[in-house]
Amino acid sequence: MTILCILTIVSVFIAMVFFSERPNDVKKYAEIEGWSSYKIEGVCWFGCAKGEFYQTKFTAVKNGKSFEGCVCSGLFFKNITLRIN
């Protein structure tokens, strides 16, 4: 029984790592901020604060200037944060 429990915990951890980005959050900011284009780059490993579960890295263009950043948010009760590098 303990092996099954360990495998379940490991599986949940792996799922959290692979599904810890939310592309729709980037799309929302792109529309609000008027970005002419954007590209989702994957998980933003070190760009968000502790406790921010969803971490999506992106590159974007606004007014002809390219920039990159992360869109961060918590699992349940934290709003979305935009961090520009």
Protein backbone atom coordinates (compact mmCIF):
# COMPACT_ATOMS: atom_id res chain seq x y z
CA MET A 1 0.00 0.00 0.00
CA THR A 2 2.82 2.44 0.71
CA ILE A 3 4.26 1.98 -2.79
CA LEU A 4 0.88 2.92 -4.27
CA CYS A 5 0.76 6.02 -2.07
CA ILE A 6 4.27 7.06 -3.11
CA LEU A 7 3.46 6.52 -6.80
CA THR A 8 0.32 8.63 -6.43
CA ILE A 9 2.23 11.49 -4.81
CA VAL A 10 4.93 11.35 -7.49
CA SER A 11 2.30 11.30 -10.24
CA VAL A 12 0.53 14.34 -8.79
CA PHE A 13 3.84 16.22 -8.53
CA ILE A 14 4.73 15.41 -12.16
CA ALA A 15 1.28 16.53 -13.32
CA MET A 16 1.66 19.79 -11.41
CA VAL A 17 4.98 20.49 -13.13
CA PHE A 18 3.69 19.75 -16.63
CA PHE A 19 0.37 21.58 -16.25
CA SER A 20 1.58 24.64 -14.33
CA GLU A 21 1.10 27.11 -17.15
CA ARG A 22 -2.07 28.86 -18.29
CA PRO A 23 -1.90 30.23 -21.85
CA ASN A 24 -5.32 31.90 -21.52
CA ASP A 25 -3.88 34.28 -18.90
CA VAL A 26 -1.31 35.49 -21.44
CA LYS A 27 -4.04 35.88 -24.06
CA LYS A 28 -6.09 37.97 -21.63
CA TYR A 29 -3.18 40.34 -20.95
CA ALA A 30 -2.38 40.56 -24.67
CA GLU A 31 -5.89 41.79 -25.40
CA ILE A 32 -5.99 44.22 -22.45
CA GLU A 33 -2.52 45.68 -23.08
CA GLY A 34 -2.85 45.86 -26.88
CA TRP A 35 0.09 43.64 -27.77
CA SER A 36 0.40 43.21 -31.53
CA SER A 37 1.71 39.66 -31.12
CA TYR A 38 2.78 37.24 -28.43
CA LYS A 39 4.25 33.76 -28.15
CA ILE A 40 3.97 31.43 -25.18
CA GLU A 41 7.37 30.01 -24.27
CA GLY A 42 6.34 27.47 -21.61
CA VAL A 43 6.75 27.42 -17.85
CA CYS A 44 8.50 30.42 -16.28
CA TRP A 45 10.62 28.53 -13.75
CA PHE A 46 12.19 31.38 -11.76
CA GLY A 47 10.15 34.45 -12.72
CA CYS A 48 7.34 34.29 -10.18
CA ALA A 49 7.08 34.62 -6.43
CA LYS A 50 6.80 31.77 -3.98
CA GLY A 51 3.26 30.45 -3.83
CA GLU A 52 2.37 31.35 -7.41
CA PHE A 53 1.42 28.00 -8.90
CA TYR A 54 0.73 28.93 -12.53
CA GLN A 55 3.81 30.43 -14.21
CA THR A 56 3.66 31.08 -17.95
CA LYS A 57 6.62 32.55 -19.83
CA PHE A 58 5.99 34.64 -22.96
CA THR A 59 7.54 36.99 -25.49
CA ALA A 60 5.48 39.80 -26.99
CA VAL A 61 5.56 42.89 -29.20
CA LYS A 62 3.91 46.22 -28.40
CA ASN A 63 4.44 49.45 -30.36
CA GLY A 64 7.17 47.74 -32.36
CA LYS A 65 9.22 46.82 -29.27
CA SER A 66 9.86 43.24 -28.23
CA PHE A 67 9.83 42.18 -24.56
CA GLU A 68 9.51 39.05 -22.47
CA GLY A 69 8.01 38.22 -19.13
CA CYS A 70 5.87 35.90 -17.03
CA VAL A 71 2.22 35.76 -16.12
CA CYS A 72 1.90 34.37 -12.59
CA SER A 73 -1.10 33.33 -10.52
CA GLY A 74 -1.97 31.27 -7.50
CA LEU A 75 -3.78 27.98 -7.39
CA PHE A 76 -7.00 29.23 -5.78
CA PHE A 77 -7.18 32.71 -4.26
CA LYS A 78 -4.44 34.81 -5.88
CA ASN A 79 -5.08 37.11 -8.81
CA ILE A 80 -2.92 37.24 -11.91
CA THR A 81 0.40 39.13 -11.87
CA LEU A 82 2.26 40.31 -14.97
CA ARG A 83 6.05 40.41 -14.61
CA ILE A 84 8.12 41.97 -17.40
CA ASN A 85 11.82 41.03 -17.59
